[in-house]
Amino acid sequence: MMSEEGHEYRVEVAGELLVVWQRGAPDSLAQLGAFQDAVERVRTQTSVRRALFDNRETTSPGDELREAMVAWVCEAGRFDAVAVVLQSEMLAVRLNMDAIAHRARMRAFDSVPAAQKWLVELRTH
């Protein structure tokens, strides 16, 4: 587990999925960049291109950091698909709207099993 002031995270591969768990939130673009670098290292080393972000324990990072993270996740070619698990239905609606706006294969869920199921089903279609 990695930990920076106010933001803890773990990046691991589970089968054919990159699983990212987070608590808190980065408080600067530099801290966000360090987090993104950690995710990118694992993604590059393993060639896993479907990701599950478990954000149920995150806090709001503020608009600038949130927008930077969404843009990074949605960047063409980075991931084939991204599932994000959130606690709040309102946050899920917002994230799903971001996905539509970015034309990204990203979707919000309220549970890890539902997110995993969606990612696995994408592989078979």
C-alpha atoms as a PDB file:
ATOM      1  CA  MET A   1       0.000   0.000   0.000  1.00  0.00           C
ATOM      2  CA  MET A   2       1.196   3.466  -0.856  1.00  0.00           C
ATOM      3  CA  SER A   3       0.404   6.386   1.362  1.00  0.00           C
ATOM      4  CA  GLU A   4       0.845  10.095   0.909  1.00  0.00           C
ATOM      5  CA  GLU A   5      -0.591  12.654   3.256  1.00  0.00           C
ATOM      6  CA  GLY A   6      -4.368  12.260   3.074  1.00  0.00           C
ATOM      7  CA  HIS A   7      -4.298   9.655   0.273  1.00  0.00           C
ATOM      8  CA  GLU A   8      -3.722   5.929   0.580  1.00  0.00           C
ATOM      9  CA  TYR A   9      -3.893   3.541  -2.350  1.00  0.00           C
ATOM     10  CA  ARG A  10      -3.076   0.051  -3.503  1.00  0.00           C
ATOM     11  CA  VAL A  11      -2.563  -1.048  -7.113  1.00  0.00           C
ATOM     12  CA  GLU A  12      -2.602  -4.752  -7.945  1.00  0.00           C
ATOM     13  CA  VAL A  13      -3.542  -7.192 -10.664  1.00  0.00           C
ATOM     14  CA  ALA A  14      -6.346  -9.656  -9.975  1.00  0.00           C
ATOM     15  CA  GLY A  15      -6.718 -12.054 -12.876  1.00  0.00           C
ATOM     16  CA  GLU A  16      -7.175  -9.915 -15.968  1.00  0.00           C
ATOM     17  CA  LEU A  17      -8.093  -6.760 -14.047  1.00  0.00           C
ATOM     18  CA  LEU A  18      -6.042  -3.907 -12.681  1.00  0.00           C
ATOM     19  CA  VAL A  19      -7.574  -3.199  -9.265  1.00  0.00           C
ATOM     20  CA  VAL A  20      -6.966   0.173  -7.634  1.00  0.00           C
ATOM     21  CA  TRP A  21      -8.216   0.804  -4.090  1.00  0.00           C
ATOM     22  CA  GLN A  22      -8.137   4.321  -2.644  1.00  0.00           C
ATOM     23  CA  ARG A  23      -8.882   6.109   0.624  1.00  0.00           C
ATOM     24  CA  GLY A  24      -8.893   9.880   1.010  1.00  0.00           C
ATOM     25  CA  ALA A  25      -7.787  11.935  -1.980  1.00  0.00           C
ATOM     26  CA  PRO A  26      -4.670  13.573  -3.394  1.00  0.00           C
ATOM     27  CA  ASP A  27      -4.393  17.201  -2.305  1.00  0.00           C
ATOM     28  CA  SER A  28      -2.230  18.499  -5.148  1.00  0.00           C
ATOM     29  CA  LEU A  29      -1.486  17.881  -8.812  1.00  0.00           C
ATOM     30  CA  ALA A  30       1.929  16.537  -7.743  1.00  0.00           C
ATOM     31  CA  GLN A  31       0.315  13.998  -5.413  1.00  0.00           C
ATOM     32  CA  LEU A  32      -2.179  13.047  -8.134  1.00  0.00           C
ATOM     33  CA  GLY A  33       0.720  12.611 -10.563  1.00  0.00           C
ATOM     34  CA  ALA A  34       2.516  10.253  -8.162  1.00  0.00           C
ATOM     35  CA  PHE A  35      -0.664   8.177  -7.866  1.00  0.00           C
ATOM     36  CA  GLN A  36      -1.128   8.096 -11.646  1.00  0.00           C
ATOM     37  CA  ASP A  37       2.528   7.080 -12.103  1.00  0.00           C
ATOM     38  CA  ALA A  38       2.043   4.164  -9.690  1.00  0.00           C
ATOM     39  CA  VAL A  39      -1.036   2.970 -11.593  1.00  0.00           C
ATOM     40  CA  GLU A  40       0.721   3.436 -14.921  1.00  0.00           C
ATOM     41  CA  ARG A  41       3.772   1.425 -13.804  1.00  0.00           C
ATOM     42  CA  VAL A  42       1.645  -1.610 -12.956  1.00  0.00           C
ATOM     43  CA  ARG A  43      -0.468  -1.224 -16.097  1.00  0.00           C
ATOM     44  CA  THR A  44       2.624  -1.018 -18.311  1.00  0.00           C
ATOM     45  CA  GLN A  45       4.447  -3.905 -16.598  1.00  0.00           C
ATOM     46  CA  THR A  46       1.468  -6.232 -16.844  1.00  0.00           C
ATOM     47  CA  SER A  47      -0.267  -5.037 -20.045  1.00  0.00           C
ATOM     48  CA  VAL A  48      -3.607  -5.246 -18.192  1.00  0.00           C
ATOM     49  CA  ARG A  49      -5.981  -2.805 -19.855  1.00  0.00           C
ATOM     50  CA  ARG A  50      -9.239  -3.203 -17.917  1.00  0.00           C
ATOM     51  CA  ALA A  51      -9.325  -1.417 -14.575  1.00  0.00           C
ATOM     52  CA  LEU A  52     -11.503  -1.394 -11.491  1.00  0.00           C
ATOM     53  CA  PHE A  53     -11.140   1.641  -9.228  1.00  0.00           C
ATOM     54  CA  ASP A  54     -12.613   1.052  -5.759  1.00  0.00           C
ATOM     55  CA  ASN A  55     -13.305   4.627  -4.664  1.00  0.00           C
ATOM     56  CA  ARG A  56     -15.807   3.908  -1.901  1.00  0.00           C
ATOM     57  CA  GLU A  57     -13.452   5.372   0.705  1.00  0.00           C
ATOM     58  CA  THR A  58     -12.321   8.424  -1.224  1.00  0.00           C
ATOM     59  CA  THR A  59     -13.082  12.008  -0.388  1.00  0.00           C
ATOM     60  CA  SER A  60     -13.711  14.813  -2.856  1.00  0.00           C
ATOM     61  CA  PRO A  61     -10.412  16.031  -4.309  1.00  0.00           C
ATOM     62  CA  GLY A  62     -11.783  19.333  -5.616  1.00  0.00           C
ATOM     63  CA  ASP A  63     -12.770  20.145  -9.171  1.00  0.00           C
ATOM     64  CA  GLU A  64      -9.307  20.694 -10.672  1.00  0.00           C
ATOM     65  CA  LEU A  65      -7.925  17.382  -9.394  1.00  0.00           C
ATOM     66  CA  ARG A  66     -11.133  15.510 -10.199  1.00  0.00           C
ATOM     67  CA  GLU A  67     -11.127  16.804 -13.784  1.00  0.00           C
ATOM     68  CA  ALA A  68      -7.435  15.939 -14.184  1.00  0.00           C
ATOM     69  CA  MET A  69      -8.081  12.400 -12.960  1.00  0.00           C
ATOM     70  CA  VAL A  70     -11.097  11.868 -15.242  1.00  0.00           C
ATOM     71  CA  ALA A  71      -9.139  13.180 -18.246  1.00  0.00           C
ATOM     72  CA  TRP A  72      -6.225  10.859 -17.409  1.00  0.00           C
ATOM     73  CA  VAL A  73      -8.446   7.780 -17.026  1.00  0.00           C
ATOM     74  CA  CYS A  74     -10.317   8.588 -20.250  1.00  0.00           C
ATOM     75  CA  GLU A  75      -7.203   9.291 -22.320  1.00  0.00           C
ATOM     76  CA  ALA A  76      -7.443   7.277 -25.535  1.00  0.00           C
ATOM     77  CA  GLY A  77      -5.465   4.049 -25.421  1.00  0.00           C
ATOM     78  CA  ARG A  78      -4.785   4.012 -21.688  1.00  0.00           C
ATOM     79  CA  PHE A  79      -7.513   1.534 -20.694  1.00  0.00           C
ATOM     80  CA  ASP A  80      -9.908  -0.637 -22.687  1.00  0.00           C
ATOM     81  CA  ALA A  81     -12.547  -0.262 -19.967  1.00  0.00           C
ATOM     82  CA  VAL A  82     -12.791   1.262 -16.494  1.00  0.00           C
ATOM     83  CA  ALA A  83     -15.278   0.443 -13.741  1.00  0.00           C
ATOM     84  CA  VAL A  84     -15.430   2.765 -10.739  1.00  0.00           C
ATOM     85  CA  VAL A  85     -17.099   1.697  -7.501  1.00  0.00           C
ATOM     86  CA  LEU A  86     -18.609   4.605  -5.574  1.00  0.00           C
ATOM     87  CA  GLN A  87     -20.710   4.979  -2.422  1.00  0.00           C
ATOM     88  CA  SER A  88     -22.894   7.798  -3.670  1.00  0.00           C
ATOM     89  CA  GLU A  89     -25.496   7.474  -6.396  1.00  0.00           C
ATOM     90  CA  MET A  90     -25.038  11.188  -7.175  1.00  0.00           C
ATOM     91  CA  LEU A  91     -21.306  10.678  -7.749  1.00  0.00           C
ATOM     92  CA  ALA A  92     -22.090   7.676  -9.944  1.00  0.00           C
ATOM     93  CA  VAL A  93     -24.428   9.750 -12.108  1.00  0.00           C
ATOM     94  CA  ARG A  94     -21.775  12.465 -12.437  1.00  0.00           C
ATOM     95  CA  LEU A  95     -19.075   9.954 -13.384  1.00  0.00           C
ATOM     96  CA  ASN A  96     -21.329   8.251 -15.928  1.00  0.00           C
ATOM     97  CA  MET A  97     -22.025  11.662 -17.500  1.00  0.00           C
ATOM     98  CA  ASP A  98     -18.252  12.314 -17.632  1.00  0.00           C
ATOM     99  CA  ALA A  99     -17.806   8.994 -19.420  1.00  0.00           C
ATOM    100  CA  ILE A 100     -20.395   9.965 -22.013  1.00  0.00           C
ATOM    101  CA  ALA A 101     -18.805  13.387 -22.487  1.00  0.00           C
ATOM    102  CA  HIS A 102     -15.366  11.803 -22.992  1.00  0.00           C
ATOM    103  CA  ARG A 103     -16.778   8.947 -25.088  1.00  0.00           C
ATOM    104  CA  ALA A 104     -14.996   6.608 -22.707  1.00  0.00           C
ATOM    105  CA  ARG A 105     -15.793   3.021 -21.872  1.00  0.00           C
ATOM    106  CA  MET A 106     -16.170   3.848 -18.205  1.00  0.00           C
ATOM    107  CA  ARG A 107     -19.043   3.151 -15.857  1.00  0.00           C
ATOM    108  CA  ALA A 108     -19.816   3.681 -12.175  1.00  0.00           C
ATOM    109  CA  PHE A 109     -21.137   0.922  -9.890  1.00  0.00           C
ATOM    110  CA  ASP A 110     -22.276   0.554  -6.302  1.00  0.00           C
ATOM    111  CA  SER A 111     -20.478  -2.752  -5.650  1.00  0.00           C
ATOM    112  CA  VAL A 112     -17.246  -4.498  -6.588  1.00  0.00           C
ATOM    113  CA  PRO A 113     -19.027  -7.667  -7.831  1.00  0.00           C
ATOM    114  CA  ALA A 114     -21.210  -5.630 -10.227  1.00  0.00           C
ATOM    115  CA  ALA A 115     -18.136  -3.782 -11.528  1.00  0.00           C
ATOM    116  CA  GLN A 116     -16.188  -7.020 -11.989  1.00  0.00           C
ATOM    117  CA  LYS A 117     -19.119  -8.629 -13.797  1.00  0.00           C
ATOM    118  CA  TRP A 118     -19.355  -5.726 -16.255  1.00  0.00           C
ATOM    119  CA  LEU A 119     -15.611  -5.796 -16.972  1.00  0.00           C
ATOM    120  CA  VAL A 120     -15.591  -9.584 -17.489  1.00  0.00           C
ATOM    121  CA  GLU A 121     -18.663  -9.459 -19.743  1.00  0.00           C
ATOM    122  CA  LEU A 122     -16.975  -6.830 -21.927  1.00  0.00           C
ATOM    123  CA  ARG A 123     -14.191  -9.289 -22.622  1.00  0.00           C
ATOM    124  CA  THR A 124     -16.611 -11.908 -23.937  1.00  0.00           C
ATOM    125  CA  HIS A 125     -18.408  -9.543 -26.358  1.00  0.00           C
END
